Amino acid sequence: QIREIYYAANSRERVMIDAALLRRFMETRHPRMEDVQMIIPYELLENAKRAALTWQIVLAAIAGISLLVGGIGIMNIMLASVTERTREIGIRRALGATQKHIIWQFLVETGVLSAVGGLIGVALGVALSLLLGIGASVLVPDATVTTRLTSWSILLSFSVATATGLIFGIYPAIKAAQQDPIVALRHD
């Protein structure tokens, strides 16, 4: 006589599906057995969902703060570049460059800077993800740590990094374009 059987689903999403399949299996195999009871730990399942949501919120907050810090860094670099290149801006304006030309020049520079940073970040992320999967299987042979790379996450990461750089590069570009050409030519 069997007292208890424990079944573990492969993932949280499969718990209810597998429970329905097991219930149907028991009803077809033992139709007159009324002493069979199935218990699904709903509370543990809900706690796991809440913990996963909490971690997602924490990681999203960390990512947001990182983007803000990175954007401020790019803005500071571009403001320093504007200050260093004041004379160049004055010469370009004196030769006929419009404010739009100056804005585009600095936005392109900011875009290239942030795109290169995004490529480096994506490359590091992919490398660390692969190393994590390899390292976990080497250190703990029975571990079931799997890493999954998706093209949408790579594209999203690169796009967000580039967009962040462009957004934070708008102010320095406008500041560069608004300089008076005569004053900029006198700058040393």
N, C-alpha and C. Protein backbone atom coordinates (compact mmCIF):
# COMPACT_ATOMS: atom_id res chain seq x y z
N GLN A 1 0.85 -1.18 0.00
CA GLN A 1 0.00 0.00 0.00
C GLN A 1 0.90 1.24 0.00
N ILE A 2 0.56 2.20 -0.84
CA ILE A 2 1.33 3.44 -0.96
C ILE A 2 0.63 4.52 -0.16
N ARG A 3 1.41 5.21 0.68
CA ARG A 3 0.84 6.28 1.50
C ARG A 3 0.92 7.63 0.79
N GLU A 4 2.07 7.93 0.21
CA GLU A 4 2.26 9.24 -0.40
C GLU A 4 3.10 9.12 -1.66
N ILE A 5 2.79 9.99 -2.61
CA ILE A 5 3.60 10.14 -3.80
C ILE A 5 3.85 11.63 -3.99
N TYR A 6 5.10 11.98 -4.16
CA TYR A 6 5.47 13.38 -4.40
C TYR A 6 5.84 13.54 -5.86
N TYR A 7 5.32 14.59 -6.44
CA TYR A 7 5.62 14.88 -7.84
C TYR A 7 6.13 16.31 -7.92
N ALA A 8 7.24 16.52 -8.60
CA ALA A 8 7.79 17.86 -8.78
C ALA A 8 7.70 18.23 -10.26
N ALA A 9 7.07 19.36 -10.52
CA ALA A 9 6.93 19.84 -11.90
C ALA A 9 8.24 20.47 -12.35
N ASN A 10 8.43 20.53 -13.67
CA ASN A 10 9.66 21.11 -14.22
C ASN A 10 9.74 22.62 -14.02
N SER A 11 8.61 23.30 -13.99
CA SER A 11 8.59 24.75 -13.80
C SER A 11 7.30 25.14 -13.09
N ARG A 12 7.28 26.38 -12.59
CA ARG A 12 6.08 26.86 -11.89
C ARG A 12 4.87 26.89 -12.80
N GLU A 13 5.10 27.20 -14.08
CA GLU A 13 3.99 27.30 -15.02
C GLU A 13 3.32 25.95 -15.27
N ARG A 14 4.06 24.86 -15.07
CA ARG A 14 3.55 23.52 -15.35
C ARG A 14 2.79 22.91 -14.17
N VAL A 15 2.82 23.53 -13.01
CA VAL A 15 2.23 22.92 -11.80
C VAL A 15 0.75 22.62 -12.00
N MET A 16 -0.02 23.60 -12.40
CA MET A 16 -1.47 23.41 -12.53
C MET A 16 -1.80 22.46 -13.68
N ILE A 17 -1.04 22.53 -14.77
CA ILE A 17 -1.28 21.64 -15.91
C ILE A 17 -1.00 20.19 -15.51
N ASP A 18 0.15 19.98 -14.85
CA ASP A 18 0.50 18.63 -14.41
C ASP A 18 -0.46 18.10 -13.35
N ALA A 19 -0.93 18.98 -12.46
CA ALA A 19 -1.89 18.55 -11.44
C ALA A 19 -3.18 18.07 -12.09
N ALA A 20 -3.66 18.76 -13.10
CA ALA A 20 -4.88 18.34 -13.80
C ALA A 20 -4.66 17.00 -14.51
N LEU A 21 -3.49 16.81 -15.11
CA LEU A 21 -3.19 15.54 -15.77
C LEU A 21 -3.13 14.39 -14.76
N LEU A 22 -2.50 14.63 -13.62
CA LEU A 22 -2.43 13.59 -12.58
C LEU A 22 -3.81 13.26 -12.03
N ARG A 23 -4.61 14.28 -11.82
CA ARG A 23 -5.97 14.05 -11.30
C ARG A 23 -6.78 13.21 -12.30
N ARG A 24 -6.70 13.54 -13.58
CA ARG A 24 -7.40 12.78 -14.61
C ARG A 24 -6.87 11.34 -14.68
N PHE A 25 -5.56 11.18 -14.54
CA PHE A 25 -4.95 9.84 -14.56
C PHE A 25 -5.48 8.99 -13.40
N MET A 26 -5.53 9.59 -12.21
CA MET A 26 -6.02 8.85 -11.04
C MET A 26 -7.51 8.49 -11.19
N GLU A 27 -8.28 9.39 -11.77
CA GLU A 27 -9.70 9.12 -11.94
C GLU A 27 -9.95 8.01 -12.97
N THR A 28 -9.14 7.92 -13.99
CA THR A 28 -9.34 6.88 -15.00
C THR A 28 -8.79 5.54 -14.54
N ARG A 29 -7.68 5.53 -13.83
CA ARG A 29 -7.06 4.27 -13.38
C ARG A 29 -7.75 3.68 -12.14
N HIS A 30 -8.21 4.55 -11.27
CA HIS A 30 -8.85 4.09 -10.04
C HIS A 30 -10.16 4.84 -9.82
N PRO A 31 -11.20 4.48 -10.59
CA PRO A 31 -12.45 5.25 -10.55
C PRO A 31 -13.18 5.16 -9.21
N ARG A 32 -13.05 4.06 -8.49
CA ARG A 32 -13.82 3.91 -7.25
C ARG A 32 -13.00 4.22 -6.00
N MET A 33 -11.79 4.66 -6.18
CA MET A 33 -10.95 4.96 -5.02
C MET A 33 -11.23 6.40 -4.58
N GLU A 34 -11.88 6.51 -3.46
CA GLU A 34 -12.22 7.83 -2.95
C GLU A 34 -11.27 8.27 -1.84
N ASP A 35 -10.29 7.45 -1.53
CA ASP A 35 -9.35 7.80 -0.46
C ASP A 35 -8.07 8.46 -1.00
N VAL A 36 -8.10 8.82 -2.27
CA VAL A 36 -6.94 9.49 -2.87
C VAL A 36 -7.16 10.99 -2.78
N GLN A 37 -6.13 11.67 -2.31
CA GLN A 37 -6.22 13.12 -2.16
C GLN A 37 -4.97 13.76 -2.79
N MET A 38 -5.20 14.84 -3.52
CA MET A 38 -4.09 15.54 -4.14
C MET A 38 -3.97 16.92 -3.51
N ILE A 39 -2.77 17.25 -3.05
CA ILE A 39 -2.52 18.55 -2.42
C ILE A 39 -1.50 19.30 -3.28
N ILE A 40 -1.88 20.50 -3.68
CA ILE A 40 -0.99 21.37 -4.46
C ILE A 40 -0.63 22.55 -3.57
N PRO A 41 0.64 22.77 -3.34
CA PRO A 41 1.04 23.85 -2.41
C PRO A 41 0.89 25.24 -3.03
N TYR A 42 -0.35 25.73 -3.06
CA TYR A 42 -0.63 27.04 -3.65
C TYR A 42 0.17 28.15 -2.97
N GLU A 43 0.23 28.09 -1.64
CA GLU A 43 0.91 29.15 -0.90
C GLU A 43 2.39 29.22 -1.26
N LEU A 44 3.04 28.08 -1.37
CA LEU A 44 4.45 28.07 -1.77
C LEU A 44 4.61 28.59 -3.19
N LEU A 45 3.67 28.24 -4.03
CA LEU A 45 3.71 28.71 -5.41
C LEU A 45 3.56 30.24 -5.47
N GLU A 46 2.63 30.76 -4.72
CA GLU A 46 2.42 32.22 -4.69
C GLU A 46 3.62 32.93 -4.09
N ASN A 47 4.24 32.37 -3.05
CA ASN A 47 5.44 32.97 -2.47
C ASN A 47 6.58 33.00 -3.50
N ALA A 48 6.71 31.94 -4.26
CA ALA A 48 7.75 31.90 -5.30
C ALA A 48 7.49 32.96 -6.36
N LYS A 49 6.21 33.15 -6.73
CA LYS A 49 5.87 34.19 -7.71
C LYS A 49 6.19 35.58 -7.17
N ARG A 50 5.85 35.83 -5.89
CA ARG A 50 6.13 37.13 -5.28
C ARG A 50 7.63 37.38 -5.20
N ALA A 51 8.39 36.35 -4.84
CA ALA A 51 9.85 36.50 -4.76
C ALA A 51 10.44 36.81 -6.13
N ALA A 52 9.94 36.14 -7.15
CA ALA A 52 10.44 36.39 -8.52
C ALA A 52 10.09 37.82 -8.95
N LEU A 53 8.89 38.29 -8.63
CA LEU A 53 8.49 39.65 -8.97
C LEU A 53 9.35 40.68 -8.23
N THR A 54 9.63 40.41 -6.96
CA THR A 54 10.48 41.31 -6.17
C THR A 54 11.87 41.42 -6.80
N TRP A 55 12.43 40.29 -7.19
CA TRP A 55 13.75 40.31 -7.83
C TRP A 55 13.72 41.05 -9.15
N GLN A 56 12.66 40.91 -9.91
CA GLN A 56 12.55 41.62 -11.18
C GLN A 56 12.50 43.13 -10.95
N ILE A 57 11.78 43.56 -9.92
CA ILE A 57 11.69 44.99 -9.62
C ILE A 57 13.05 45.52 -9.16
N VAL A 58 13.73 44.76 -8.30
CA VAL A 58 15.06 45.18 -7.83
C VAL A 58 16.04 45.29 -8.99
N LEU A 59 16.04 44.29 -9.87
CA LEU A 59 16.96 44.32 -11.00
C LEU A 59 16.61 45.45 -11.98
N ALA A 60 15.33 45.74 -12.16
CA ALA A 60 14.93 46.85 -13.02
C ALA A 60 15.37 48.18 -12.41
N ALA A 61 15.27 48.32 -11.09
CA ALA A 61 15.73 49.55 -10.43
C ALA A 61 17.24 49.72 -10.58
N ILE A 62 17.98 48.64 -10.42
CA ILE A 62 19.43 48.70 -10.59
C ILE A 62 19.78 49.09 -12.02
N ALA A 63 19.08 48.51 -12.99
CA ALA A 63 19.32 48.85 -14.39
C ALA A 63 18.99 50.31 -14.66
N GLY A 64 17.90 50.81 -14.10
CA GLY A 64 17.54 52.21 -14.29
C GLY A 64 18.57 53.16 -13.70
N ILE A 65 19.05 52.84 -12.52
CA ILE A 65 20.08 53.68 -11.89
C ILE A 65 21.37 53.63 -12.71
N SER A 66 21.72 52.45 -13.22
CA SER A 66 22.92 52.32 -14.05
C SER A 66 22.80 53.15 -15.32
N LEU A 67 21.63 53.14 -15.94
CA LEU A 67 21.41 53.94 -17.15
C LEU A 67 21.50 55.43 -16.83
N LEU A 68 20.96 55.85 -15.71
CA LEU A 68 21.03 57.25 -15.32
C LEU A 68 22.47 57.69 -15.09
N VAL A 69 23.23 56.87 -14.37
CA VAL A 69 24.64 57.20 -14.10
C VAL A 69 25.44 57.22 -15.41
N GLY A 70 25.20 56.23 -16.26
CA GLY A 70 25.89 56.20 -17.56
C GLY A 70 25.53 57.40 -18.42
N GLY A 71 24.26 57.78 -18.42
CA GLY A 71 23.83 58.95 -19.19
C GLY A 71 24.45 60.23 -18.68
N ILE A 72 24.53 60.38 -17.37
CA ILE A 72 25.16 61.57 -16.80
C ILE A 72 26.65 61.59 -17.15
N GLY A 73 27.28 60.42 -17.14
CA GLY A 73 28.69 60.34 -17.54
C GLY A 73 28.90 60.77 -18.98
N ILE A 74 28.03 60.31 -19.87
CA ILE A 74 28.13 60.70 -21.28
C ILE A 74 27.90 62.21 -21.43
N MET A 75 26.92 62.74 -20.69
CA MET A 75 26.65 64.17 -20.77
C MET A 75 27.86 64.97 -20.29
N ASN A 76 28.51 64.54 -19.22
CA ASN A 76 29.69 65.25 -18.73
C ASN A 76 30.84 65.19 -19.73
N ILE A 77 31.04 64.04 -20.34
CA ILE A 77 32.09 63.91 -21.35
C ILE A 77 31.82 64.85 -22.52
N MET A 78 30.59 64.91 -22.97
CA MET A 78 30.26 65.76 -24.10
C MET A 78 30.33 67.24 -23.73
N LEU A 79 29.96 67.60 -22.50
CA LEU A 79 30.09 68.99 -22.08
C LEU A 79 31.56 69.40 -22.02
N ALA A 80 32.42 68.49 -21.56
CA ALA A 80 33.86 68.77 -21.56
C ALA A 80 34.37 68.90 -22.99
N SER A 81 33.87 68.08 -23.89
CA SER A 81 34.25 68.15 -25.29
C SER A 81 33.82 69.48 -25.91
N VAL A 82 32.63 69.95 -25.55
CA VAL A 82 32.14 71.24 -26.05
C VAL A 82 33.06 72.36 -25.56
N THR A 83 33.44 72.31 -24.29
CA THR A 83 34.31 73.34 -23.73
C THR A 83 35.68 73.33 -24.41
N GLU A 84 36.23 72.14 -24.63
CA GLU A 84 37.55 72.02 -25.25
C GLU A 84 37.52 72.45 -26.71
N ARG A 85 36.41 72.29 -27.36
CA ARG A 85 36.33 72.54 -28.81
C ARG A 85 35.58 73.83 -29.14
N THR A 86 35.55 74.74 -28.20
CA THR A 86 34.83 76.00 -28.41
C THR A 86 35.38 76.74 -29.63
N ARG A 87 36.68 76.79 -29.75
CA ARG A 87 37.30 77.50 -30.89
C ARG A 87 36.91 76.82 -32.20
N GLU A 88 36.93 75.48 -32.22
CA GLU A 88 36.53 74.74 -33.43
C GLU A 88 35.08 75.06 -33.81
N ILE A 89 34.22 75.12 -32.80
CA ILE A 89 32.81 75.45 -33.05
C ILE A 89 32.70 76.85 -33.65
N GLY A 90 33.48 77.80 -33.10
CA GLY A 90 33.47 79.18 -33.62
C GLY A 90 33.94 79.23 -35.07
N ILE A 91 34.99 78.47 -35.39
CA ILE A 91 35.49 78.45 -36.77
C ILE A 91 34.44 77.84 -37.71
N ARG A 92 33.83 76.76 -37.30
CA ARG A 92 32.80 76.14 -38.15
C ARG A 92 31.63 77.09 -38.37
N ARG A 93 31.22 77.78 -37.30
CA ARG A 93 30.10 78.74 -37.44
C ARG A 93 30.49 79.90 -38.34
N ALA A 94 31.76 80.37 -38.23
CA ALA A 94 32.21 81.48 -39.06
C ALA A 94 32.29 81.08 -40.54
N LEU A 95 32.53 79.79 -40.78
CA LEU A 95 32.61 79.31 -42.16
C LEU A 95 31.24 78.95 -42.74
N GLY A 96 30.19 79.11 -41.95
CA GLY A 96 28.85 78.91 -42.51
C GLY A 96 28.04 77.76 -41.92
N ALA A 97 28.58 77.06 -40.95
CA ALA A 97 27.82 75.97 -40.33
C ALA A 97 26.67 76.55 -39.51
N THR A 98 25.51 75.97 -39.65
CA THR A 98 24.34 76.44 -38.90
C THR A 98 24.30 75.75 -37.54
N GLN A 99 23.37 76.19 -36.72
CA GLN A 99 23.21 75.55 -35.40
C GLN A 99 22.83 74.08 -35.57
N LYS A 100 22.03 73.77 -36.59
CA LYS A 100 21.65 72.37 -36.84
C LYS A 100 22.87 71.52 -37.14
N HIS A 101 23.83 72.08 -37.93
CA HIS A 101 25.04 71.33 -38.25
C HIS A 101 25.83 71.00 -36.98
N ILE A 102 25.94 71.96 -36.09
CA ILE A 102 26.68 71.75 -34.84
C ILE A 102 25.96 70.73 -33.96
N ILE A 103 24.64 70.84 -33.88
CA ILE A 103 23.87 69.88 -33.08
C ILE A 103 24.06 68.47 -33.64
N TRP A 104 23.96 68.34 -34.96
CA TRP A 104 24.13 67.01 -35.56
C TRP A 104 25.53 66.46 -35.34
N GLN A 105 26.53 67.33 -35.41
CA GLN A 105 27.90 66.88 -35.18
C GLN A 105 28.05 66.26 -33.79
N PHE A 106 27.54 66.95 -32.79
CA PHE A 106 27.70 66.44 -31.43
C PHE A 106 26.76 65.26 -31.15
N LEU A 107 25.59 65.24 -31.77
CA LEU A 107 24.71 64.08 -31.59
C LEU A 107 25.29 62.83 -32.24
N VAL A 108 25.93 62.99 -33.39
CA VAL A 108 26.57 61.83 -34.03
C VAL A 108 27.72 61.33 -33.15
N GLU A 109 28.50 62.24 -32.60
CA GLU A 109 29.58 61.83 -31.71
C GLU A 109 29.04 61.11 -30.47
N THR A 110 27.98 61.65 -29.91
CA THR A 110 27.36 61.01 -28.75
C THR A 110 26.79 59.64 -29.12
N GLY A 111 26.15 59.56 -30.28
CA GLY A 111 25.60 58.28 -30.73
C GLY A 111 26.67 57.24 -30.94
N VAL A 112 27.78 57.63 -31.54
CA VAL A 112 28.88 56.68 -31.74
C VAL A 112 29.46 56.24 -30.41
N LEU A 113 29.65 57.20 -29.50
CA LEU A 113 30.19 56.87 -28.18
C LEU A 113 29.28 55.90 -27.43
N SER A 114 27.99 56.17 -27.43
CA SER A 114 27.06 55.29 -26.70
C SER A 114 26.86 53.96 -27.43
N ALA A 115 26.92 53.94 -28.75
CA ALA A 115 26.79 52.68 -29.49
C ALA A 115 27.99 51.77 -29.23
N VAL A 116 29.18 52.35 -29.18
CA VAL A 116 30.37 51.55 -28.86
C VAL A 116 30.26 51.02 -27.43
N GLY A 117 29.81 51.87 -26.52
CA GLY A 117 29.59 51.42 -25.14
C GLY A 117 28.55 50.32 -25.07
N GLY A 118 27.49 50.45 -25.87
CA GLY A 118 26.45 49.40 -25.92
C GLY A 118 26.99 48.09 -26.46
N LEU A 119 27.82 48.16 -27.51
CA LEU A 119 28.43 46.94 -28.06
C LEU A 119 29.33 46.26 -27.03
N ILE A 120 30.14 47.06 -26.33
CA ILE A 120 31.01 46.49 -25.30
C ILE A 120 30.17 45.87 -24.19
N GLY A 121 29.11 46.56 -23.78
CA GLY A 121 28.23 46.02 -22.73
C GLY A 121 27.55 44.73 -23.14
N VAL A 122 27.06 44.67 -24.38
CA VAL A 122 26.41 43.45 -24.87
C VAL A 122 27.43 42.31 -24.94
N ALA A 123 28.64 42.61 -25.43
CA ALA A 123 29.67 41.58 -25.51
C ALA A 123 30.03 41.05 -24.12
N LEU A 124 30.17 41.95 -23.16
CA LEU A 124 30.46 41.51 -21.78
C LEU A 124 29.30 40.70 -21.20
N GLY A 125 28.08 41.13 -21.47
CA GLY A 125 26.92 40.40 -20.97
C GLY A 125 26.83 39.00 -21.54
N VAL A 126 27.05 38.87 -22.84
CA VAL A 126 27.01 37.55 -23.48
C VAL A 126 28.13 36.67 -22.93
N ALA A 127 29.33 37.25 -22.81
CA ALA A 127 30.48 36.47 -22.30
C ALA A 127 30.25 36.02 -20.86
N LEU A 128 29.75 36.92 -20.01
CA LEU A 128 29.49 36.54 -18.61
C LEU A 128 28.38 35.50 -18.51
N SER A 129 27.39 35.61 -19.35
CA SER A 129 26.30 34.63 -19.34
C SER A 129 26.82 33.25 -19.72
N LEU A 130 27.64 33.19 -20.75
CA LEU A 130 28.21 31.91 -21.17
C LEU A 130 29.16 31.35 -20.11
N LEU A 131 29.97 32.23 -19.51
CA LEU A 131 30.90 31.79 -18.46
C LEU A 131 30.15 31.29 -17.23
N LEU A 132 29.03 31.93 -16.91
CA LEU A 132 28.23 31.49 -15.77
C LEU A 132 27.71 30.08 -15.99
N GLY A 133 27.22 29.82 -17.19
CA GLY A 133 26.71 28.48 -17.50
C GLY A 133 27.81 27.44 -17.46
N ILE A 134 28.98 27.76 -18.03
CA ILE A 134 30.10 26.82 -18.03
C ILE A 134 30.66 26.64 -16.63
N GLY A 135 30.85 27.75 -15.92
CA GLY A 135 31.42 27.70 -14.58
C GLY A 135 30.55 26.94 -13.60
N ALA A 136 29.25 27.10 -13.69
CA ALA A 136 28.36 26.39 -12.77
C ALA A 136 28.42 24.89 -13.01
N SER A 137 28.49 24.47 -14.26
CA SER A 137 28.53 23.04 -14.54
C SER A 137 29.88 22.43 -14.17
N VAL A 138 30.96 23.23 -14.21
CA VAL A 138 32.28 22.73 -13.82
C VAL A 138 32.40 22.66 -12.31
N LEU A 139 31.97 23.73 -11.61
CA LEU A 139 32.10 23.78 -10.15
C LEU A 139 31.17 22.81 -9.45
N VAL A 140 29.95 22.75 -9.91
CA VAL A 140 28.94 21.87 -9.30
C VAL A 140 28.35 21.02 -10.42
N PRO A 141 28.87 19.80 -10.61
CA PRO A 141 28.42 18.98 -11.75
C PRO A 141 26.92 18.70 -11.76
N ASP A 142 26.28 18.63 -10.60
CA ASP A 142 24.85 18.33 -10.55
C ASP A 142 23.97 19.57 -10.67
N ALA A 143 24.59 20.74 -10.79
CA ALA A 143 23.82 21.98 -10.84
C ALA A 143 23.03 22.07 -12.15
N THR A 144 21.88 22.69 -12.07
CA THR A 144 21.04 22.86 -13.26
C THR A 144 20.93 24.33 -13.62
N VAL A 145 22.07 25.02 -13.65
CA VAL A 145 22.08 26.42 -14.03
C VAL A 145 22.20 26.49 -15.54
N THR A 146 21.20 27.06 -16.15
CA THR A 146 21.25 27.22 -17.60
C THR A 146 21.10 28.71 -17.92
N THR A 147 21.84 29.15 -18.88
CA THR A 147 21.71 30.53 -19.33
C THR A 147 21.11 30.52 -20.73
N ARG A 148 20.31 31.51 -20.98
CA ARG A 148 19.63 31.57 -22.27
C ARG A 148 19.83 32.97 -22.87
N LEU A 149 20.36 33.00 -24.06
CA LEU A 149 20.55 34.25 -24.77
C LEU A 149 19.47 34.37 -25.84
N THR A 150 18.79 35.50 -25.84
CA THR A 150 17.77 35.72 -26.86
C THR A 150 18.17 36.95 -27.68
N SER A 151 17.82 36.92 -28.94
CA SER A 151 18.19 38.03 -29.81
C SER A 151 17.46 39.32 -29.41
N TRP A 152 16.23 39.21 -28.91
CA TRP A 152 15.50 40.41 -28.53
C TRP A 152 16.14 41.09 -27.32
N SER A 153 16.70 40.31 -26.39
CA SER A 153 17.33 40.94 -25.22
C SER A 153 18.62 41.64 -25.61
N ILE A 154 19.36 41.06 -26.53
CA ILE A 154 20.59 41.69 -27.01
C ILE A 154 20.25 42.98 -27.76
N LEU A 155 19.27 42.91 -28.63
CA LEU A 155 18.86 44.10 -29.40
C LEU A 155 18.31 45.18 -28.48
N LEU A 156 17.50 44.79 -27.50
CA LEU A 156 16.94 45.76 -26.56
C LEU A 156 18.04 46.44 -25.75
N SER A 157 19.01 45.66 -25.27
CA SER A 157 20.11 46.22 -24.48
C SER A 157 20.90 47.23 -25.30
N PHE A 158 21.23 46.87 -26.51
CA PHE A 158 21.99 47.78 -27.37
C PHE A 158 21.18 49.03 -27.68
N SER A 159 19.91 48.87 -27.98
CA SER A 159 19.05 50.02 -28.31
C SER A 159 18.89 50.97 -27.13
N VAL A 160 18.70 50.42 -25.94
CA VAL A 160 18.54 51.26 -24.75
C VAL A 160 19.83 52.02 -24.45
N ALA A 161 20.98 51.35 -24.59
CA ALA A 161 22.25 52.02 -24.35
C ALA A 161 22.46 53.16 -25.34
N THR A 162 22.17 52.93 -26.60
CA THR A 162 22.35 53.97 -27.62
C THR A 162 21.35 55.10 -27.41
N ALA A 163 20.11 54.78 -27.12
CA ALA A 163 19.10 55.81 -26.89
C ALA A 163 19.43 56.65 -25.66
N THR A 164 19.94 56.01 -24.61
CA THR A 164 20.32 56.74 -23.40
C THR A 164 21.40 57.76 -23.73
N GLY A 165 22.41 57.33 -24.49
CA GLY A 165 23.47 58.25 -24.88
C GLY A 165 22.96 59.41 -25.70
N LEU A 166 22.06 59.13 -26.63
CA LEU A 166 21.52 60.20 -27.47
C LEU A 166 20.67 61.18 -26.67
N ILE A 167 19.87 60.67 -25.76
CA ILE A 167 19.02 61.54 -24.94
C ILE A 167 19.88 62.46 -24.07
N PHE A 168 20.91 61.87 -23.43
CA PHE A 168 21.77 62.69 -22.57
C PHE A 168 22.76 63.54 -23.36
N GLY A 169 22.86 63.31 -24.66
CA GLY A 169 23.73 64.12 -25.50
C GLY A 169 23.05 65.33 -26.12
N ILE A 170 21.74 65.43 -25.96
CA ILE A 170 21.00 66.54 -26.56
C ILE A 170 21.41 67.87 -25.92
N TYR A 171 21.48 67.91 -24.59
CA TYR A 171 21.82 69.17 -23.91
C TYR A 171 23.20 69.70 -24.31
N PRO A 172 24.26 68.87 -24.28
CA PRO A 172 25.57 69.40 -24.73
C PRO A 172 25.56 69.85 -26.19
N ALA A 173 24.83 69.15 -27.05
CA ALA A 173 24.78 69.53 -28.45
C ALA A 173 24.10 70.89 -28.62
N ILE A 174 23.01 71.11 -27.90
CA ILE A 174 22.32 72.40 -27.97
C ILE A 174 23.20 73.51 -27.39
N LYS A 175 23.88 73.20 -26.31
CA LYS A 175 24.78 74.18 -25.68
C LYS A 175 25.90 74.56 -26.65
N ALA A 176 26.43 73.60 -27.38
CA ALA A 176 27.48 73.88 -28.36
C ALA A 176 26.93 74.74 -29.50
N ALA A 177 25.73 74.44 -29.95
CA ALA A 177 25.16 75.16 -31.08
C ALA A 177 24.79 76.59 -30.73
N GLN A 178 24.49 76.86 -29.47
CA GLN A 178 24.06 78.19 -29.07
C GLN A 178 25.21 79.15 -28.77
N GLN A 179 26.45 78.68 -28.91
CA GLN A 179 27.58 79.56 -28.64
C GLN A 179 27.67 80.65 -29.71
N ASP A 180 28.01 81.83 -29.26
CA ASP A 180 28.19 82.96 -30.18
C ASP A 180 29.51 82.76 -30.94
N PRO A 181 29.46 82.77 -32.28
CA PRO A 181 30.68 82.50 -33.06
C PRO A 181 31.83 83.47 -32.75
N ILE A 182 31.54 84.72 -32.53
CA ILE A 182 32.59 85.71 -32.26
C ILE A 182 33.27 85.42 -30.93
N VAL A 183 32.46 85.14 -29.91
CA VAL A 183 33.02 84.81 -28.59
C VAL A 183 33.78 83.49 -28.66
N ALA A 184 33.26 82.52 -29.42
CA ALA A 184 33.92 81.22 -29.54
C ALA A 184 35.26 81.34 -30.26
N LEU A 185 35.38 82.27 -31.24
CA LEU A 185 36.64 82.45 -31.94
C LEU A 185 37.71 83.06 -31.02
N ARG A 186 37.32 83.85 -30.06
CA ARG A 186 38.27 84.48 -29.12
C ARG A 186 38.73 83.51 -28.04
N HIS A 187 38.00 82.40 -27.87
CA HIS A 187 38.31 81.44 -26.79
C HIS A 187 39.64 80.74 -27.05
N ASP A 188 40.46 80.59 -26.01
CA ASP A 188 41.75 79.87 -26.18
C ASP A 188 41.68 78.49 -25.70
